[in-house]
Protein backbone atom coordinates (compact mmCIF):
# COMPACT_ATOMS: atom_id res chain seq x y z
CA UNK A 1 0.00 0.00 0.00
CA UNK A 2 0.98 3.62 -0.32
CA UNK A 3 0.55 6.52 2.06
CA UNK A 4 -0.40 9.85 0.48
CA UNK A 5 0.35 13.22 2.07
CA UNK A 6 0.08 16.82 0.94
CA UNK A 7 2.16 19.66 2.33
CA UNK A 8 0.97 23.22 1.72
CA UNK A 9 3.39 25.52 -0.09
CA UNK A 10 3.11 29.24 -0.78
CA UNK A 11 4.75 31.58 -3.29
CA UNK A 12 6.00 34.97 -2.19
CA UNK A 13 3.19 36.48 -4.31
CA UNK A 14 0.64 34.68 -2.10
CA UNK A 15 -0.40 31.86 -4.46
CA UNK A 16 -0.86 28.57 -2.60
CA UNK A 17 -0.61 24.94 -3.65
CA UNK A 18 0.69 21.61 -2.42
CA UNK A 19 3.70 19.35 -2.57
CA UNK A 20 2.38 15.79 -2.78
CA UNK A 21 4.07 12.63 -1.57
CA UNK A 22 3.14 9.00 -2.13
CA UNK A 23 5.32 6.52 -0.29
CA UNK A 24 5.52 2.78 0.22
CA UNK A 25 4.38 2.01 3.75
CA UNK A 26 4.90 -1.76 3.67
CA UNK A 27 7.24 -3.13 6.31
CA UNK A 28 10.53 -4.60 5.15
CA UNK A 29 10.13 -3.39 1.58
CA UNK A 30 12.41 -1.18 -0.45
CA UNK A 31 12.29 2.60 -0.48
CA UNK A 32 9.79 4.14 -2.87
CA UNK A 33 8.65 7.78 -2.72
CA UNK A 34 6.96 9.82 -5.47
CA UNK A 35 6.85 13.62 -5.20
CA UNK A 36 4.64 15.96 -7.21
CA UNK A 37 3.07 19.42 -7.19
CA UNK A 38 -0.56 20.61 -7.18
CA UNK A 39 -1.35 24.19 -8.26
CA UNK A 40 2.29 24.78 -9.34
CA UNK A 41 4.18 23.46 -12.34
CA UNK A 42 7.58 21.84 -11.89
CA UNK A 43 9.40 18.55 -11.82
CA UNK A 44 7.99 15.57 -9.97
CA UNK A 45 10.27 12.63 -9.32
CA UNK A 46 10.47 9.17 -7.78
CA UNK A 47 13.05 8.01 -5.25
CA UNK A 48 13.95 4.32 -4.97
CA UNK A 49 17.06 4.75 -2.81
CA UNK A 50 17.91 7.13 0.01
CA UNK A 51 21.15 7.85 -1.87
CA UNK A 52 18.96 9.51 -4.55
CA UNK A 53 17.30 11.85 -2.03
CA UNK A 54 18.12 15.51 -2.76
CA UNK A 55 19.11 17.74 0.16
CA UNK A 56 16.23 20.13 -0.56
CA UNK A 57 13.30 18.27 -2.10
CA UNK A 58 11.19 21.38 -2.77
CA UNK A 59 14.04 23.20 -4.55
CA UNK A 60 14.80 20.06 -6.61
CA UNK A 61 11.22 20.17 -7.91
CA UNK A 62 11.74 23.69 -9.30
CA UNK A 63 8.16 24.82 -8.59
CA UNK A 64 6.92 27.58 -10.90
CA UNK A 65 4.03 29.79 -9.80
CA UNK A 66 1.19 30.11 -12.33
CA UNK A 67 0.25 33.53 -10.90
CA UNK A 68 3.58 35.41 -11.04
CA UNK A 69 5.72 33.05 -13.14
CA UNK A 70 8.58 32.90 -10.62
CA UNK A 71 10.51 29.65 -10.19
CA UNK A 72 11.88 28.41 -6.84
CA UNK A 73 10.27 31.34 -5.05
CA UNK A 74 8.13 29.17 -2.73
CA UNK A 75 8.36 27.91 0.82
CA UNK A 76 6.45 25.54 3.02
CA UNK A 77 3.46 27.26 4.61
CA UNK A 78 3.48 27.57 8.39
CA UNK A 79 1.84 24.65 10.12
CA UNK A 80 2.24 22.25 7.19
PDB file of N, CA and C in Angstrom:
ATOM      1  N   UNK A   1       0.836  -1.186   0.000  1.00  0.00           N
ATOM      2  CA  UNK A   1       0.000   0.000   0.000  1.00  0.00           C
ATOM      3  C   UNK A   1       0.875   1.241   0.000  1.00  0.00           C
ATOM      4  N   UNK A   2       0.266   2.352  -0.312  1.00  0.00           N
ATOM      5  CA  UNK A   2       0.983   3.618  -0.319  1.00  0.00           C
ATOM      6  C   UNK A   2       0.273   4.610   0.601  1.00  0.00           C
ATOM      7  N   UNK A   3       1.061   5.431   1.251  1.00  0.00           N
ATOM      8  CA  UNK A   3       0.550   6.522   2.059  1.00  0.00           C
ATOM      9  C   UNK A   3       0.664   7.791   1.229  1.00  0.00           C
ATOM     10  N   UNK A   4      -0.378   8.602   1.244  1.00  0.00           N
ATOM     11  CA  UNK A   4      -0.396   9.850   0.480  1.00  0.00           C
ATOM     12  C   UNK A   4      -0.486  11.029   1.439  1.00  0.00           C
ATOM     13  N   UNK A   5       0.388  12.006   1.256  1.00  0.00           N
ATOM     14  CA  UNK A   5       0.346  13.218   2.072  1.00  0.00           C
ATOM     15  C   UNK A   5       0.485  14.435   1.173  1.00  0.00           C
ATOM     16  N   UNK A   6      -0.033  15.539   1.654  1.00  0.00           N
ATOM     17  CA  UNK A   6       0.080  16.819   0.945  1.00  0.00           C
ATOM     18  C   UNK A   6       0.607  17.848   1.930  1.00  0.00           C
ATOM     19  N   UNK A   7       1.577  18.613   1.491  1.00  0.00           N
ATOM     20  CA  UNK A   7       2.163  19.659   2.327  1.00  0.00           C
ATOM     21  C   UNK A   7       1.935  20.992   1.624  1.00  0.00           C
ATOM     22  N   UNK A   8       1.323  21.937   2.324  1.00  0.00           N
ATOM     23  CA  UNK A   8       0.972  23.219   1.723  1.00  0.00           C
ATOM     24  C   UNK A   8       2.226  24.049   1.478  1.00  0.00           C
ATOM     25  N   UNK A   9       2.297  24.622   0.268  1.00  0.00           N
ATOM     26  CA  UNK A   9       3.391  25.524  -0.087  1.00  0.00           C
ATOM     27  C   UNK A   9       2.798  26.850  -0.544  1.00  0.00           C
ATOM     28  N   UNK A  10       3.590  27.905  -0.425  1.00  0.00           N
ATOM     29  CA  UNK A  10       3.109  29.238  -0.782  1.00  0.00           C
ATOM     30  C   UNK A  10       4.219  30.009  -1.491  1.00  0.00           C
ATOM     31  N   UNK A  11       3.831  30.711  -2.557  1.00  0.00           N
ATOM     32  CA  UNK A  11       4.753  31.576  -3.288  1.00  0.00           C
ATOM     33  C   UNK A  11       4.820  32.932  -2.576  1.00  0.00           C
ATOM     34  N   UNK A  12       5.886  33.653  -2.809  1.00  0.00           N
ATOM     35  CA  UNK A  12       5.995  34.973  -2.192  1.00  0.00           C
ATOM     36  C   UNK A  12       4.913  35.934  -2.674  1.00  0.00           C
ATOM     37  N   UNK A  13       4.285  35.626  -3.824  1.00  0.00           N
ATOM     38  CA  UNK A  13       3.192  36.478  -4.314  1.00  0.00           C
ATOM     39  C   UNK A  13       1.868  36.153  -3.622  1.00  0.00           C
ATOM     40  N   UNK A  14       1.835  35.058  -2.835  1.00  0.00           N
ATOM     41  CA  UNK A  14       0.637  34.679  -2.101  1.00  0.00           C
ATOM     42  C   UNK A  14      -0.097  33.475  -2.666  1.00  0.00           C
ATOM     43  N   UNK A  15       0.249  33.034  -3.871  1.00  0.00           N
ATOM     44  CA  UNK A  15      -0.402  31.859  -4.458  1.00  0.00           C
ATOM     45  C   UNK A  15      -0.055  30.614  -3.645  1.00  0.00           C
ATOM     46  N   UNK A  16      -1.062  29.765  -3.401  1.00  0.00           N
ATOM     47  CA  UNK A  16      -0.859  28.566  -2.601  1.00  0.00           C
ATOM     48  C   UNK A  16      -1.119  27.308  -3.409  1.00  0.00           C
ATOM     49  N   UNK A  17      -0.437  26.252  -3.038  1.00  0.00           N
ATOM     50  CA  UNK A  17      -0.610  24.943  -3.652  1.00  0.00           C
ATOM     51  C   UNK A  17      -0.082  23.882  -2.703  1.00  0.00           C
ATOM     52  N   UNK A  18       0.257  22.719  -3.264  1.00  0.00           N
ATOM     53  CA  UNK A  18       0.689  21.607  -2.424  1.00  0.00           C
ATOM     54  C   UNK A  18       1.850  20.840  -3.051  1.00  0.00           C
ATOM     55  N   UNK A  19       2.730  20.358  -2.193  1.00  0.00           N
ATOM     56  CA  UNK A  19       3.702  19.349  -2.567  1.00  0.00           C
ATOM     57  C   UNK A  19       3.063  18.025  -2.163  1.00  0.00           C
ATOM     58  N   UNK A  20       2.999  17.072  -3.079  1.00  0.00           N
ATOM     59  CA  UNK A  20       2.380  15.791  -2.780  1.00  0.00           C
ATOM     60  C   UNK A  20       3.455  14.716  -2.623  1.00  0.00           C
ATOM     61  N   UNK A  21       3.158  13.738  -1.796  1.00  0.00           N
ATOM     62  CA  UNK A  21       4.071  12.629  -1.568  1.00  0.00           C
ATOM     63  C   UNK A  21       3.261  11.344  -1.478  1.00  0.00           C
ATOM     64  N   UNK A  22       3.647  10.367  -2.260  1.00  0.00           N
ATOM     65  CA  UNK A  22       3.136   8.997  -2.133  1.00  0.00           C
ATOM     66  C   UNK A  22       4.335   8.151  -1.767  1.00  0.00           C
ATOM     67  N   UNK A  23       4.188   7.332  -0.726  1.00  0.00           N
ATOM     68  CA  UNK A  23       5.324   6.516  -0.294  1.00  0.00           C
ATOM     69  C   UNK A  23       4.872   5.119   0.078  1.00  0.00           C
ATOM     70  N   UNK A  24       5.765   4.161  -0.133  1.00  0.00           N
ATOM     71  CA  UNK A  24       5.523   2.777   0.220  1.00  0.00           C
ATOM     72  C   UNK A  24       5.524   2.667   1.736  1.00  0.00           C
ATOM     73  N   UNK A  25       4.444   2.140   2.295  1.00  0.00           N
ATOM     74  CA  UNK A  25       4.381   2.010   3.750  1.00  0.00           C
ATOM     75  C   UNK A  25       4.412   0.554   4.203  1.00  0.00           C
ATOM     76  N   UNK A  26       4.804  -0.348   3.308  1.00  0.00           N
ATOM     77  CA  UNK A  26       4.900  -1.760   3.669  1.00  0.00           C
ATOM     78  C   UNK A  26       6.181  -2.022   4.453  1.00  0.00           C
ATOM     79  N   UNK A  27       6.058  -2.778   5.499  1.00  0.00           N
ATOM     80  CA  UNK A  27       7.237  -3.127   6.308  1.00  0.00           C
ATOM     81  C   UNK A  27       8.196  -3.994   5.503  1.00  0.00           C
ATOM     82  N   UNK A  28       9.463  -3.792   5.739  1.00  0.00           N
ATOM     83  CA  UNK A  28      10.526  -4.603   5.147  1.00  0.00           C
ATOM     84  C   UNK A  28      10.530  -4.577   3.621  1.00  0.00           C
ATOM     85  N   UNK A  29      10.077  -3.516   3.045  1.00  0.00           N
ATOM     86  CA  UNK A  29      10.133  -3.390   1.584  1.00  0.00           C
ATOM     87  C   UNK A  29      11.110  -2.281   1.227  1.00  0.00           C
ATOM     88  N   UNK A  30      11.432  -2.181  -0.039  1.00  0.00           N
ATOM     89  CA  UNK A  30      12.406  -1.177  -0.450  1.00  0.00           C
ATOM     90  C   UNK A  30      11.803   0.226  -0.461  1.00  0.00           C
ATOM     91  N   UNK A  31      12.682   1.189  -0.482  1.00  0.00           N
ATOM     92  CA  UNK A  31      12.293   2.602  -0.476  1.00  0.00           C
ATOM     93  C   UNK A  31      11.589   2.940  -1.788  1.00  0.00           C
ATOM     94  N   UNK A  32      10.473   3.633  -1.695  1.00  0.00           N
ATOM     95  CA  UNK A  32       9.785   4.143  -2.874  1.00  0.00           C
ATOM     96  C   UNK A  32       8.994   5.366  -2.452  1.00  0.00           C
ATOM     97  N   UNK A  33       9.357   6.529  -2.990  1.00  0.00           N
ATOM     98  CA  UNK A  33       8.648   7.780  -2.716  1.00  0.00           C
ATOM     99  C   UNK A  33       8.460   8.522  -4.031  1.00  0.00           C
ATOM    100  N   UNK A  34       7.245   9.031  -4.263  1.00  0.00           N
ATOM    101  CA  UNK A  34       6.963   9.819  -5.465  1.00  0.00           C
ATOM    102  C   UNK A  34       6.480  11.207  -5.037  1.00  0.00           C
ATOM    103  N   UNK A  35       7.167  12.222  -5.523  1.00  0.00           N
ATOM    104  CA  UNK A  35       6.848  13.616  -5.198  1.00  0.00           C
ATOM    105  C   UNK A  35       6.236  14.310  -6.410  1.00  0.00           C
ATOM    106  N   UNK A  36       5.272  15.180  -6.158  1.00  0.00           N
ATOM    107  CA  UNK A  36       4.644  15.955  -7.215  1.00  0.00           C
ATOM    108  C   UNK A  36       4.167  17.296  -6.679  1.00  0.00           C
ATOM    109  N   UNK A  37       3.573  18.095  -7.548  1.00  0.00           N
ATOM    110  CA  UNK A  37       3.070  19.419  -7.189  1.00  0.00           C
ATOM    111  C   UNK A  37       1.628  19.576  -7.644  1.00  0.00           C
ATOM    112  N   UNK A  38       0.801  20.199  -6.821  1.00  0.00           N
ATOM    113  CA  UNK A  38      -0.561  20.610  -7.183  1.00  0.00           C
ATOM    114  C   UNK A  38      -0.616  22.132  -7.129  1.00  0.00           C
ATOM    115  N   UNK A  39      -1.178  22.742  -8.155  1.00  0.00           N
ATOM    116  CA  UNK A  39      -1.349  24.193  -8.261  1.00  0.00           C
ATOM    117  C   UNK A  39      -0.054  24.934  -8.605  1.00  0.00           C
ATOM    118  N   UNK A  40       1.020  24.224  -8.856  1.00  0.00           N
ATOM    119  CA  UNK A  40       2.286  24.777  -9.344  1.00  0.00           C
ATOM    120  C   UNK A  40       2.783  23.832 -10.432  1.00  0.00           C
ATOM    121  N   UNK A  41       3.521  24.359 -11.393  1.00  0.00           N
ATOM    122  CA  UNK A  41       4.182  23.460 -12.341  1.00  0.00           C
ATOM    123  C   UNK A  41       5.601  23.213 -11.831  1.00  0.00           C
ATOM    124  N   UNK A  42       6.227  22.183 -12.326  1.00  0.00           N
ATOM    125  CA  UNK A  42       7.577  21.842 -11.885  1.00  0.00           C
ATOM    126  C   UNK A  42       7.880  20.390 -12.173  1.00  0.00           C
ATOM    127  N   UNK A  43       8.929  19.902 -11.564  1.00  0.00           N
ATOM    128  CA  UNK A  43       9.402  18.548 -11.815  1.00  0.00           C
ATOM    129  C   UNK A  43       9.035  17.624 -10.665  1.00  0.00           C
ATOM    130  N   UNK A  44       8.218  16.629 -10.935  1.00  0.00           N
ATOM    131  CA  UNK A  44       7.995  15.575  -9.973  1.00  0.00           C
ATOM    132  C   UNK A  44       9.079  14.525 -10.167  1.00  0.00           C
ATOM    133  N   UNK A  45       9.282  13.692  -9.173  1.00  0.00           N
ATOM    134  CA  UNK A  45      10.272  12.630  -9.317  1.00  0.00           C
ATOM    135  C   UNK A  45       9.980  11.498  -8.349  1.00  0.00           C
ATOM    136  N   UNK A  46      10.615  10.360  -8.613  1.00  0.00           N
ATOM    137  CA  UNK A  46      10.472   9.172  -7.782  1.00  0.00           C
ATOM    138  C   UNK A  46      11.828   8.799  -7.204  1.00  0.00           C
ATOM    139  N   UNK A  47      11.826   8.425  -5.942  1.00  0.00           N
ATOM    140  CA  UNK A  47      13.052   8.010  -5.251  1.00  0.00           C
ATOM    141  C   UNK A  47      12.925   6.525  -4.917  1.00  0.00           C
ATOM    142  N   UNK A  48      13.936   5.747  -5.289  1.00  0.00           N
ATOM    143  CA  UNK A  48      13.947   4.320  -4.974  1.00  0.00           C
ATOM    144  C   UNK A  48      15.147   3.949  -4.101  1.00  0.00           C
ATOM    145  N   UNK A  49      15.908   4.956  -3.687  1.00  0.00           N
ATOM    146  CA  UNK A  49      17.061   4.746  -2.811  1.00  0.00           C
ATOM    147  C   UNK A  49      17.299   6.037  -2.043  1.00  0.00           C
ATOM    148  N   UNK A  50      17.627   5.915  -0.772  1.00  0.00           N
ATOM    149  CA  UNK A  50      17.911   7.125   0.005  1.00  0.00           C
ATOM    150  C   UNK A  50      19.129   7.863  -0.528  1.00  0.00           C
ATOM    151  N   UNK A  51      19.997   7.191  -1.248  1.00  0.00           N
ATOM    152  CA  UNK A  51      21.151   7.849  -1.868  1.00  0.00           C
ATOM    153  C   UNK A  51      20.702   8.828  -2.955  1.00  0.00           C
ATOM    154  N   UNK A  52      19.492   8.629  -3.509  1.00  0.00           N
ATOM    155  CA  UNK A  52      18.957   9.509  -4.551  1.00  0.00           C
ATOM    156  C   UNK A  52      18.230  10.721  -3.986  1.00  0.00           C
ATOM    157  N   UNK A  53      18.072  10.788  -2.661  1.00  0.00           N
ATOM    158  CA  UNK A  53      17.298  11.852  -2.030  1.00  0.00           C
ATOM    159  C   UNK A  53      18.050  13.178  -2.093  1.00  0.00           C
ATOM    160  N   UNK A  54      17.450  14.202  -2.735  1.00  0.00           N
ATOM    161  CA  UNK A  54      18.116  15.508  -2.756  1.00  0.00           C
ATOM    162  C   UNK A  54      18.106  16.148  -1.371  1.00  0.00           C
ATOM    163  N   UNK A  55      19.051  17.045  -1.128  1.00  0.00           N
ATOM    164  CA  UNK A  55      19.114  17.739   0.161  1.00  0.00           C
ATOM    165  C   UNK A  55      17.879  18.595   0.390  1.00  0.00           C
ATOM    166  N   UNK A  56      17.407  19.263  -0.657  1.00  0.00           N
ATOM    167  CA  UNK A  56      16.231  20.128  -0.563  1.00  0.00           C
ATOM    168  C   UNK A  56      15.224  19.656  -1.613  1.00  0.00           C
ATOM    169  N   UNK A  57      14.259  18.878  -1.176  1.00  0.00           N
ATOM    170  CA  UNK A  57      13.298  18.274  -2.100  1.00  0.00           C
ATOM    171  C   UNK A  57      12.495  19.337  -2.835  1.00  0.00           C
ATOM    172  N   UNK A  58      12.008  20.351  -2.130  1.00  0.00           N
ATOM    173  CA  UNK A  58      11.192  21.383  -2.767  1.00  0.00           C
ATOM    174  C   UNK A  58      11.986  22.132  -3.835  1.00  0.00           C
ATOM    175  N   UNK A  59      13.209  22.498  -3.559  1.00  0.00           N
ATOM    176  CA  UNK A  59      14.040  23.195  -4.548  1.00  0.00           C
ATOM    177  C   UNK A  59      14.325  22.300  -5.752  1.00  0.00           C
ATOM    178  N   UNK A  60      14.521  20.997  -5.518  1.00  0.00           N
ATOM    179  CA  UNK A  60      14.800  20.064  -6.612  1.00  0.00           C
ATOM    180  C   UNK A  60      13.613  19.950  -7.566  1.00  0.00           C
ATOM    181  N   UNK A  61      12.413  20.246  -7.073  1.00  0.00           N
ATOM    182  CA  UNK A  61      11.217  20.166  -7.911  1.00  0.00           C
ATOM    183  C   UNK A  61      11.062  21.384  -8.815  1.00  0.00           C
ATOM    184  N   UNK A  62      11.792  22.454  -8.531  1.00  0.00           N
ATOM    185  CA  UNK A  62      11.742  23.693  -9.298  1.00  0.00           C
ATOM    186  C   UNK A  62      10.290  24.172  -9.536  1.00  0.00           C
ATOM    187  N   UNK A  63       9.549  24.391  -8.440  1.00  0.00           N
ATOM    188  CA  UNK A  63       8.161  24.820  -8.592  1.00  0.00           C
ATOM    189  C   UNK A  63       8.069  26.202  -9.235  1.00  0.00           C
ATOM    190  N   UNK A  64       7.163  26.309 -10.206  1.00  0.00           N
ATOM    191  CA  UNK A  64       6.921  27.577 -10.897  1.00  0.00           C
ATOM    192  C   UNK A  64       5.489  28.009 -10.613  1.00  0.00           C
ATOM    193  N   UNK A  65       5.335  29.244 -10.165  1.00  0.00           N
ATOM    194  CA  UNK A  65       4.030  29.794  -9.800  1.00  0.00           C
ATOM    195  C   UNK A  65       3.245  30.183 -11.058  1.00  0.00           C
ATOM    196  N   UNK A  66       1.990  29.728 -11.172  1.00  0.00           N
ATOM    197  CA  UNK A  66       1.185  30.109 -12.329  1.00  0.00           C
ATOM    198  C   UNK A  66       0.694  31.557 -12.260  1.00  0.00           C
ATOM    199  N   UNK A  67       0.732  32.156 -11.079  1.00  0.00           N
ATOM    200  CA  UNK A  67       0.247  33.531 -10.898  1.00  0.00           C
ATOM    201  C   UNK A  67       1.298  34.561 -11.291  1.00  0.00           C
ATOM    202  N   UNK A  68       2.541  34.404 -10.777  1.00  0.00           N
ATOM    203  CA  UNK A  68       3.575  35.409 -11.038  1.00  0.00           C
ATOM    204  C   UNK A  68       4.674  34.918 -11.977  1.00  0.00           C
ATOM    205  N   UNK A  69       4.732  33.595 -12.221  1.00  0.00           N
ATOM    206  CA  UNK A  69       5.722  33.052 -13.135  1.00  0.00           C
ATOM    207  C   UNK A  69       7.099  32.801 -12.538  1.00  0.00           C
ATOM    208  N   UNK A  70       7.281  33.102 -11.267  1.00  0.00           N
ATOM    209  CA  UNK A  70       8.580  32.898 -10.620  1.00  0.00           C
ATOM    210  C   UNK A  70       8.828  31.411 -10.372  1.00  0.00           C
ATOM    211  N   UNK A  71      10.099  31.022 -10.469  1.00  0.00           N
ATOM    212  CA  UNK A  71      10.512  29.649 -10.193  1.00  0.00           C
ATOM    213  C   UNK A  71      11.368  29.627  -8.929  1.00  0.00           C
ATOM    214  N   UNK A  72      11.160  28.587  -8.115  1.00  0.00           N
ATOM    215  CA  UNK A  72      11.885  28.408  -6.841  1.00  0.00           C
ATOM    216  C   UNK A  72      11.726  29.600  -5.906  1.00  0.00           C
ATOM    217  N   UNK A  73      10.554  30.205  -5.912  1.00  0.00           N
ATOM    218  CA  UNK A  73      10.267  31.341  -5.045  1.00  0.00           C
ATOM    219  C   UNK A  73       9.170  30.951  -4.052  1.00  0.00           C
ATOM    220  N   UNK A  74       9.159  29.669  -3.633  1.00  0.00           N
ATOM    221  CA  UNK A  74       8.132  29.167  -2.731  1.00  0.00           C
ATOM    222  C   UNK A  74       8.764  28.636  -1.449  1.00  0.00           C
ATOM    223  N   UNK A  75       7.920  28.470  -0.450  1.00  0.00           N
ATOM    224  CA  UNK A  75       8.360  27.913   0.820  1.00  0.00           C
ATOM    225  C   UNK A  75       7.213  27.092   1.363  1.00  0.00           C
ATOM    226  N   UNK A  76       7.517  26.264   2.358  1.00  0.00           N
ATOM    227  CA  UNK A  76       6.454  25.536   3.025  1.00  0.00           C
ATOM    228  C   UNK A  76       5.651  26.518   3.864  1.00  0.00           C
ATOM    229  N   UNK A  77       4.331  26.386   3.823  1.00  0.00           N
ATOM    230  CA  UNK A  77       3.456  27.261   4.607  1.00  0.00           C
ATOM    231  C   UNK A  77       3.583  26.878   6.092  1.00  0.00           C
ATOM    232  N   UNK A  78       3.410  27.834   6.949  1.00  0.00           N
ATOM    233  CA  UNK A  78       3.479  27.574   8.391  1.00  0.00           C
ATOM    234  C   UNK A  78       2.403  26.576   8.772  1.00  0.00           C
ATOM    235  N   UNK A  79       2.794  25.646   9.637  1.00  0.00           N
ATOM    236  CA  UNK A  79       1.839  24.647  10.117  1.00  0.00           C
ATOM    237  C   UNK A  79       1.647  23.474   9.173  1.00  0.00           C
ATOM    238  N   UNK A  80       2.425  23.397   8.097  1.00  0.00           N
ATOM    239  CA  UNK A  80       2.241  22.253   7.190  1.00  0.00           C
ATOM    240  C   UNK A  80       3.391  21.293   7.266  1.00  0.00           C
TER     241      UNK A  80
END
